Amino acid sequence: MRRGLRAGRWPGYLCVVTLCAALAGLTGCESDGGGLGSGHDFGANDPDLYVAMGDSITAAGWPSVLAGKLGQPVVNRGVPGARSDQGAASVNGTLSRYQPGYLLILYGANDVIQGANLDSTIAYLRSMIRAAKANQSIPVIGTLTPMSESHQIWAETAKELSRRIRSMASEERCSVADLEKAFGNNPEYILPDGLHPTAAGTERIASVFYGVIR
């Protein structure tokens, strides 16, 4: 975000893969075909590979925490400052490059802060969901985490966008990681800037996505 949220490729990905391999060896974690992807035809995609796309909230690290929970690689494609239109513009290239079984989507905070039209934001997010489905990847979209403190001025708009995300996801039959609901009004999850997640918030985001996937 220009005033809040401000990306990495294979080095970070390889670190996550190494971590997951180690975890799999220690815990016996491996794909069992259960959960959200049970019975899904992944085509040429890797059913054990996840890609997370988003802004600085994603770049901050919840994908690596999720990787630890899954025992499988999660590519972090969080770009600080990114909006939904930028995610929509890059989604096909990302899907083509990684061929993931799952696409995890978390955009909207920068749209809200920068005064984007919410109808347009929903249209961009919808296009990302449809791109994932066309690629035979399973999409999961997150609602926004709460805004407070210096970002309180955008709090109600963020809630409205989350409401619209739920509605659109229902129309698209896309699973939702309801972060707004999971965070509630708990200040433990948000840094003093009123926007970015604390370590506990990062863990919470990963846990919500994990709960949807598994």
C-alpha atoms as a PDB file:
ATOM      1  CA  MET A   1       0.000   0.000   0.000  1.00  0.00           C
ATOM      2  CA  ARG A   2       1.208   3.426  -0.748  1.00  0.00           C
ATOM      3  CA  ARG A   3       0.653   4.461   2.791  1.00  0.00           C
ATOM      4  CA  GLY A   4       0.417   1.137   4.472  1.00  0.00           C
ATOM      5  CA  LEU A   5       1.160  -1.994   2.550  1.00  0.00           C
ATOM      6  CA  ARG A   6       4.426  -1.992   0.405  1.00  0.00           C
ATOM      7  CA  ALA A   7       8.032  -9.257  -3.653  1.00  0.00           C
ATOM      8  CA  GLY A   8      10.408 -12.843  -4.019  1.00  0.00           C
ATOM      9  CA  ARG A   9      10.468 -15.830  -6.145  1.00  0.00           C
ATOM     10  CA  TRP A  10      12.487 -19.006  -6.109  1.00  0.00           C
ATOM     11  CA  PRO A  11      14.824 -18.284  -3.144  1.00  0.00           C
ATOM     12  CA  GLY A  12      11.867 -17.905  -0.761  1.00  0.00           C
ATOM     13  CA  TYR A  13      10.021 -20.757  -2.429  1.00  0.00           C
ATOM     14  CA  LEU A  14      12.983 -23.102  -2.059  1.00  0.00           C
ATOM     15  CA  CYS A  15      13.277 -22.224   1.615  1.00  0.00           C
ATOM     16  CA  VAL A  16       9.622 -23.093   2.126  1.00  0.00           C
ATOM     17  CA  VAL A  17      10.020 -26.344   0.179  1.00  0.00           C
ATOM     18  CA  THR A  18      13.025 -27.263   2.331  1.00  0.00           C
ATOM     19  CA  LEU A  19      11.098 -26.479   5.501  1.00  0.00           C
ATOM     20  CA  CYS A  20       8.116 -28.516   4.368  1.00  0.00           C
ATOM     21  CA  ALA A  21      10.260 -31.453   3.366  1.00  0.00           C
ATOM     22  CA  ALA A  22      11.818 -31.426   6.813  1.00  0.00           C
ATOM     23  CA  LEU A  23       8.420 -31.199   8.471  1.00  0.00           C
ATOM     24  CA  ALA A  24       7.071 -34.014   6.333  1.00  0.00           C
ATOM     25  CA  GLY A  25      10.004 -36.166   7.377  1.00  0.00           C
ATOM     26  CA  LEU A  26       9.432 -35.414  11.043  1.00  0.00           C
ATOM     27  CA  THR A  27       5.651 -35.610  11.137  1.00  0.00           C
ATOM     28  CA  GLY A  28       4.781 -37.922   8.277  1.00  0.00           C
ATOM     29  CA  CYS A  29       2.751 -35.154   6.617  1.00  0.00           C
ATOM     30  CA  GLU A  30       1.889 -35.877   3.036  1.00  0.00           C
ATOM     31  CA  SER A  31      -0.993 -35.405   0.647  1.00  0.00           C
ATOM     32  CA  ASP A  32      -3.758 -37.870   1.400  1.00  0.00           C
ATOM     33  CA  GLY A  33      -6.282 -36.629  -1.152  1.00  0.00           C
ATOM     34  CA  GLY A  34      -8.599 -35.443   1.636  1.00  0.00           C
ATOM     35  CA  GLY A  35      -9.903 -32.019   2.528  1.00  0.00           C
ATOM     36  CA  LEU A  36     -10.964 -29.357   0.059  1.00  0.00           C
ATOM     37  CA  GLY A  37      -9.303 -31.063  -2.913  1.00  0.00           C
ATOM     38  CA  SER A  38     -10.817 -34.495  -2.365  1.00  0.00           C
ATOM     39  CA  GLY A  39     -11.937 -35.874  -5.729  1.00  0.00           C
ATOM     40  CA  HIS A  40     -10.823 -32.761  -7.613  1.00  0.00           C
ATOM     41  CA  ASP A  41      -9.213 -33.155 -11.052  1.00  0.00           C
ATOM     42  CA  PHE A  42      -6.063 -31.037 -10.831  1.00  0.00           C
ATOM     43  CA  GLY A  43      -5.056 -31.722 -14.425  1.00  0.00           C
ATOM     44  CA  ALA A  44      -1.361 -30.929 -14.941  1.00  0.00           C
ATOM     45  CA  ASN A  45      -1.149 -29.020 -11.647  1.00  0.00           C
ATOM     46  CA  ASP A  46       0.736 -30.155  -8.555  1.00  0.00           C
ATOM     47  CA  PRO A  47      -1.975 -30.933  -5.949  1.00  0.00           C
ATOM     48  CA  ASP A  48       0.619 -30.488  -3.179  1.00  0.00           C
ATOM     49  CA  LEU A  49       1.641 -26.966  -4.227  1.00  0.00           C
ATOM     50  CA  TYR A  50      -0.054 -23.805  -2.999  1.00  0.00           C
ATOM     51  CA  VAL A  51       0.400 -20.220  -4.205  1.00  0.00           C
ATOM     52  CA  ALA A  52      -0.650 -17.269  -2.056  1.00  0.00           C
ATOM     53  CA  MET A  53      -1.260 -13.964  -3.859  1.00  0.00           C
ATOM     54  CA  GLY A  54      -1.838 -10.692  -2.043  1.00  0.00           C
ATOM     55  CA  ASP A  55      -0.310  -7.484  -0.693  1.00  0.00           C
ATOM     56  CA  SER A  56       2.026  -6.781   2.239  1.00  0.00           C
ATOM     57  CA  ILE A  57      -0.218  -8.683   4.649  1.00  0.00           C
ATOM     58  CA  THR A  58       0.652 -11.785   2.611  1.00  0.00           C
ATOM     59  CA  ALA A  59       4.260 -10.714   2.044  1.00  0.00           C
ATOM     60  CA  ALA A  60       4.643 -10.444   5.834  1.00  0.00           C
ATOM     61  CA  GLY A  61       4.718 -14.215   6.140  1.00  0.00           C
ATOM     62  CA  TRP A  62       1.494 -16.144   6.787  1.00  0.00           C
ATOM     63  CA  PRO A  63       2.171 -18.433   3.768  1.00  0.00           C
ATOM     64  CA  SER A  64       5.288 -19.826   5.486  1.00  0.00           C
ATOM     65  CA  VAL A  65       3.281 -20.492   8.643  1.00  0.00           C
ATOM     66  CA  LEU A  66       0.642 -22.244   6.543  1.00  0.00           C
ATOM     67  CA  ALA A  67       3.361 -24.313   4.868  1.00  0.00           C
ATOM     68  CA  GLY A  68       4.427 -25.547   8.284  1.00  0.00           C
ATOM     69  CA  LYS A  69       0.882 -26.567   9.120  1.00  0.00           C
ATOM     70  CA  LEU A  70       0.357 -28.338   5.783  1.00  0.00           C
ATOM     71  CA  GLY A  71       3.807 -29.880   5.544  1.00  0.00           C
ATOM     72  CA  GLN A  72       3.705 -28.777   1.901  1.00  0.00           C
ATOM     73  CA  PRO A  73       5.125 -25.826  -0.057  1.00  0.00           C
ATOM     74  CA  VAL A  74       3.294 -22.506  -0.173  1.00  0.00           C
ATOM     75  CA  VAL A  75       4.730 -19.975  -2.617  1.00  0.00           C
ATOM     76  CA  ASN A  76       4.505 -16.432  -1.249  1.00  0.00           C
ATOM     77  CA  ARG A  77       3.511 -14.049  -4.040  1.00  0.00           C
ATOM     78  CA  GLY A  78       2.598 -11.184  -1.731  1.00  0.00           C
ATOM     79  CA  VAL A  79       3.577  -7.806  -3.173  1.00  0.00           C
ATOM     80  CA  PRO A  80       3.544  -4.818  -0.793  1.00  0.00           C
ATOM     81  CA  GLY A  81       1.206  -2.131  -2.073  1.00  0.00           C
ATOM     82  CA  ALA A  82      -0.610  -4.428  -4.501  1.00  0.00           C
ATOM     83  CA  ARG A  83      -4.274  -3.956  -5.337  1.00  0.00           C
ATOM     84  CA  SER A  84      -6.808  -6.376  -6.774  1.00  0.00           C
ATOM     85  CA  ASP A  85      -6.330  -5.061 -10.325  1.00  0.00           C
ATOM     86  CA  GLN A  86      -2.632  -5.900 -10.138  1.00  0.00           C
ATOM     87  CA  GLY A  87      -3.427  -9.369  -8.823  1.00  0.00           C
ATOM     88  CA  ALA A  88      -5.875  -9.897 -11.678  1.00  0.00           C
ATOM     89  CA  ALA A  89      -3.272  -8.732 -14.193  1.00  0.00           C
ATOM     90  CA  SER A  90      -0.650 -11.208 -12.933  1.00  0.00           C
ATOM     91  CA  VAL A  91      -2.761 -14.232 -12.001  1.00  0.00           C
ATOM     92  CA  ASN A  92      -2.553 -16.059 -15.336  1.00  0.00           C
ATOM     93  CA  GLY A  93       1.234 -15.716 -15.445  1.00  0.00           C
ATOM     94  CA  THR A  94       1.486 -16.970 -11.867  1.00  0.00           C
ATOM     95  CA  LEU A  95      -0.747 -19.965 -12.557  1.00  0.00           C
ATOM     96  CA  SER A  96       1.196 -20.790 -15.716  1.00  0.00           C
ATOM     97  CA  ARG A  97       4.564 -20.564 -13.968  1.00  0.00           C
ATOM     98  CA  TYR A  98       3.802 -22.593 -10.845  1.00  0.00           C
ATOM     99  CA  GLN A  99       0.853 -24.811 -11.877  1.00  0.00           C
ATOM    100  CA  PRO A 100      -0.386 -24.952  -8.269  1.00  0.00           C
ATOM    101  CA  GLY A 101      -3.123 -27.172  -6.971  1.00  0.00           C
ATOM    102  CA  TYR A 102      -4.453 -24.249  -4.934  1.00  0.00           C
ATOM    103  CA  LEU A 103      -4.541 -20.463  -5.347  1.00  0.00           C
ATOM    104  CA  LEU A 104      -4.986 -18.503  -2.096  1.00  0.00           C
ATOM    105  CA  ILE A 105      -6.191 -14.936  -2.701  1.00  0.00           C
ATOM    106  CA  LEU A 106      -6.007 -12.015  -0.256  1.00  0.00           C
ATOM    107  CA  TYR A 107      -6.437  -8.551  -1.772  1.00  0.00           C
ATOM    108  CA  GLY A 108      -8.542  -5.510  -1.016  1.00  0.00           C
ATOM    109  CA  ALA A 109      -6.895  -3.501   1.767  1.00  0.00           C
ATOM    110  CA  ASN A 110      -5.047  -1.242  -0.657  1.00  0.00           C
ATOM    111  CA  ASP A 111      -8.162  -0.930  -2.802  1.00  0.00           C
ATOM    112  CA  VAL A 112     -10.016   0.399   0.232  1.00  0.00           C
ATOM    113  CA  ILE A 113      -7.247   2.753   1.350  1.00  0.00           C
ATOM    114  CA  GLN A 114      -6.770   4.158  -2.139  1.00  0.00           C
ATOM    115  CA  GLY A 115     -10.487   4.686  -2.721  1.00  0.00           C
ATOM    116  CA  ALA A 116     -10.993   2.115  -5.469  1.00  0.00           C
ATOM    117  CA  ASN A 117     -14.510   1.396  -6.675  1.00  0.00           C
ATOM    118  CA  LEU A 118     -15.654  -1.690  -4.767  1.00  0.00           C
ATOM    119  CA  ASP A 119     -17.619  -3.025  -7.736  1.00  0.00           C
ATOM    120  CA  SER A 120     -14.375  -2.992  -9.728  1.00  0.00           C
ATOM    121  CA  THR A 121     -12.486  -4.670  -6.876  1.00  0.00           C
ATOM    122  CA  ILE A 122     -15.046  -7.475  -6.755  1.00  0.00           C
ATOM    123  CA  ALA A 123     -14.841  -7.860 -10.542  1.00  0.00           C
ATOM    124  CA  TYR A 124     -11.040  -8.222 -10.358  1.00  0.00           C
ATOM    125  CA  LEU A 125     -11.257 -10.760  -7.525  1.00  0.00           C
ATOM    126  CA  ARG A 126     -13.932 -12.685  -9.416  1.00  0.00           C
ATOM    127  CA  SER A 127     -11.643 -12.817 -12.467  1.00  0.00           C
ATOM    128  CA  MET A 128      -8.870 -14.329 -10.314  1.00  0.00           C
ATOM    129  CA  ILE A 129     -11.201 -17.032  -9.021  1.00  0.00           C
ATOM    130  CA  ARG A 130     -12.321 -17.861 -12.542  1.00  0.00           C
ATOM    131  CA  ALA A 131      -8.717 -17.914 -13.801  1.00  0.00           C
ATOM    132  CA  ALA A 132      -7.827 -20.453 -11.094  1.00  0.00           C
ATOM    133  CA  LYS A 133     -10.802 -22.636 -11.990  1.00  0.00           C
ATOM    134  CA  ALA A 134      -9.972 -22.461 -15.703  1.00  0.00           C
ATOM    135  CA  ASN A 135      -6.471 -23.667 -14.784  1.00  0.00           C
ATOM    136  CA  GLN A 136      -7.977 -26.521 -12.687  1.00  0.00           C
ATOM    137  CA  SER A 137      -6.487 -24.973  -9.546  1.00  0.00           C
ATOM    138  CA  ILE A 138      -8.720 -24.638  -6.479  1.00  0.00           C
ATOM    139  CA  PRO A 139      -9.198 -21.002  -5.379  1.00  0.00           C
ATOM    140  CA  VAL A 140      -9.672 -19.896  -1.782  1.00  0.00           C
ATOM    141  CA  ILE A 141     -10.352 -16.206  -1.144  1.00  0.00           C
ATOM    142  CA  GLY A 142      -9.916 -14.320   2.103  1.00  0.00           C
ATOM    143  CA  THR A 143     -11.999 -11.511   3.545  1.00  0.00           C
ATOM    144  CA  LEU A 144     -10.138  -8.459   4.853  1.00  0.00           C
ATOM    145  CA  THR A 145      -8.567  -8.254   8.282  1.00  0.00           C
ATOM    146  CA  PRO A 146      -9.977  -5.391  10.399  1.00  0.00           C
ATOM    147  CA  MET A 147      -8.648  -1.825  10.208  1.00  0.00           C
ATOM    148  CA  SER A 148      -8.231   0.366  13.283  1.00  0.00           C
ATOM    149  CA  GLU A 149      -6.134   3.157  14.818  1.00  0.00           C
ATOM    150  CA  SER A 150      -4.761   5.376  12.023  1.00  0.00           C
ATOM    151  CA  HIS A 151      -6.658   3.238   9.501  1.00  0.00           C
ATOM    152  CA  GLN A 152      -9.979   3.440  11.352  1.00  0.00           C
ATOM    153  CA  ILE A 153     -11.306   5.851   8.713  1.00  0.00           C
ATOM    154  CA  TRP A 154     -11.462   2.913   6.262  1.00  0.00           C
ATOM    155  CA  ALA A 155     -12.816   0.328   8.710  1.00  0.00           C
ATOM    156  CA  GLU A 156     -16.447   0.382   7.559  1.00  0.00           C
ATOM    157  CA  THR A 157     -15.480   0.276   3.872  1.00  0.00           C
ATOM    158  CA  ALA A 158     -13.271  -2.736   4.612  1.00  0.00           C
ATOM    159  CA  LYS A 159     -16.226  -4.462   6.272  1.00  0.00           C
ATOM    160  CA  GLU A 160     -18.405  -3.700   3.259  1.00  0.00           C
ATOM    161  CA  LEU A 161     -15.813  -5.159   0.900  1.00  0.00           C
ATOM    162  CA  SER A 162     -15.613  -8.293   3.043  1.00  0.00           C
ATOM    163  CA  ARG A 163     -19.391  -8.618   2.849  1.00  0.00           C
ATOM    164  CA  ARG A 164     -19.230  -8.341  -0.942  1.00  0.00           C
ATOM    165  CA  ILE A 165     -16.393 -10.877  -1.110  1.00  0.00           C
ATOM    166  CA  ARG A 166     -18.525 -13.427   0.754  1.00  0.00           C
ATOM    167  CA  SER A 167     -21.453 -12.824  -1.569  1.00  0.00           C
ATOM    168  CA  MET A 168     -19.347 -13.034  -4.732  1.00  0.00           C
ATOM    169  CA  ALA A 169     -17.562 -16.168  -3.511  1.00  0.00           C
ATOM    170  CA  SER A 170     -20.929 -17.797  -2.864  1.00  0.00           C
ATOM    171  CA  GLU A 171     -21.977 -16.990  -6.428  1.00  0.00           C
ATOM    172  CA  GLU A 172     -18.722 -18.473  -7.736  1.00  0.00           C
ATOM    173  CA  ARG A 173     -18.867 -21.474  -5.394  1.00  0.00           C
ATOM    174  CA  CYS A 174     -15.464 -20.540  -4.046  1.00  0.00           C
ATOM    175  CA  SER A 175     -14.339 -21.341  -0.504  1.00  0.00           C
ATOM    176  CA  VAL A 176     -13.811 -18.356   1.816  1.00  0.00           C
ATOM    177  CA  ALA A 177     -11.207 -17.866   4.536  1.00  0.00           C
ATOM    178  CA  ASP A 178     -13.227 -15.468   6.684  1.00  0.00           C
ATOM    179  CA  LEU A 179     -10.431 -13.479   8.293  1.00  0.00           C
ATOM    180  CA  GLU A 180     -12.672 -10.603   9.327  1.00  0.00           C
ATOM    181  CA  LYS A 181     -14.793 -12.954  11.411  1.00  0.00           C
ATOM    182  CA  ALA A 182     -11.751 -14.801  12.795  1.00  0.00           C
ATOM    183  CA  PHE A 183     -10.011 -11.592  13.882  1.00  0.00           C
ATOM    184  CA  GLY A 184     -13.109  -9.977  15.374  1.00  0.00           C
ATOM    185  CA  ASN A 185     -12.160  -7.024  17.547  1.00  0.00           C
ATOM    186  CA  ASN A 186      -9.147  -8.724  19.126  1.00  0.00           C
ATOM    187  CA  PRO A 187      -6.322  -6.125  19.273  1.00  0.00           C
ATOM    188  CA  GLU A 188      -3.812  -8.943  19.807  1.00  0.00           C
ATOM    189  CA  TYR A 189      -3.936  -9.693  16.082  1.00  0.00           C
ATOM    190  CA  ILE A 190      -3.203  -6.205  14.677  1.00  0.00           C
ATOM    191  CA  LEU A 191      -0.072  -4.055  15.023  1.00  0.00           C
ATOM    192  CA  PRO A 192      -0.338  -0.498  16.398  1.00  0.00           C
ATOM    193  CA  ASP A 193      -0.546   0.785  12.807  1.00  0.00           C
ATOM    194  CA  GLY A 194      -4.070  -0.633  12.767  1.00  0.00           C
ATOM    195  CA  LEU A 195      -3.487  -2.588   9.583  1.00  0.00           C
ATOM    196  CA  HIS A 196      -0.751  -5.221   9.542  1.00  0.00           C
ATOM    197  CA  PRO A 197      -0.929  -8.450  11.544  1.00  0.00           C
ATOM    198  CA  THR A 198       1.128  -9.217  14.623  1.00  0.00           C
ATOM    199  CA  ALA A 199       2.827 -12.606  14.965  1.00  0.00           C
ATOM    200  CA  ALA A 200      -0.396 -13.857  16.539  1.00  0.00           C
ATOM    201  CA  GLY A 201      -2.372 -12.346  13.660  1.00  0.00           C
ATOM    202  CA  THR A 202      -0.118 -13.992  11.104  1.00  0.00           C
ATOM    203  CA  GLU A 203      -0.665 -17.327  12.846  1.00  0.00           C
ATOM    204  CA  ARG A 204      -4.401 -16.682  12.854  1.00  0.00           C
ATOM    205  CA  ILE A 205      -4.504 -15.998   9.098  1.00  0.00           C
ATOM    206  CA  ALA A 206      -2.592 -19.209   8.400  1.00  0.00           C
ATOM    207  CA  SER A 207      -4.900 -21.172  10.709  1.00  0.00           C
ATOM    208  CA  VAL A 208      -8.041 -19.890   8.978  1.00  0.00           C
ATOM    209  CA  PHE A 209      -6.750 -20.810   5.512  1.00  0.00           C
ATOM    210  CA  TYR A 210      -5.613 -24.185   6.865  1.00  0.00           C
ATOM    211  CA  GLY A 211      -9.065 -24.812   8.318  1.00  0.00           C
ATOM    212  CA  VAL A 212     -10.657 -24.199   4.924  1.00  0.00           C
ATOM    213  CA  ILE A 213      -8.170 -26.358   3.034  1.00  0.00           C
ATOM    214  CA  ARG A 214      -8.126 -29.271   5.453  1.00  0.00           C
END
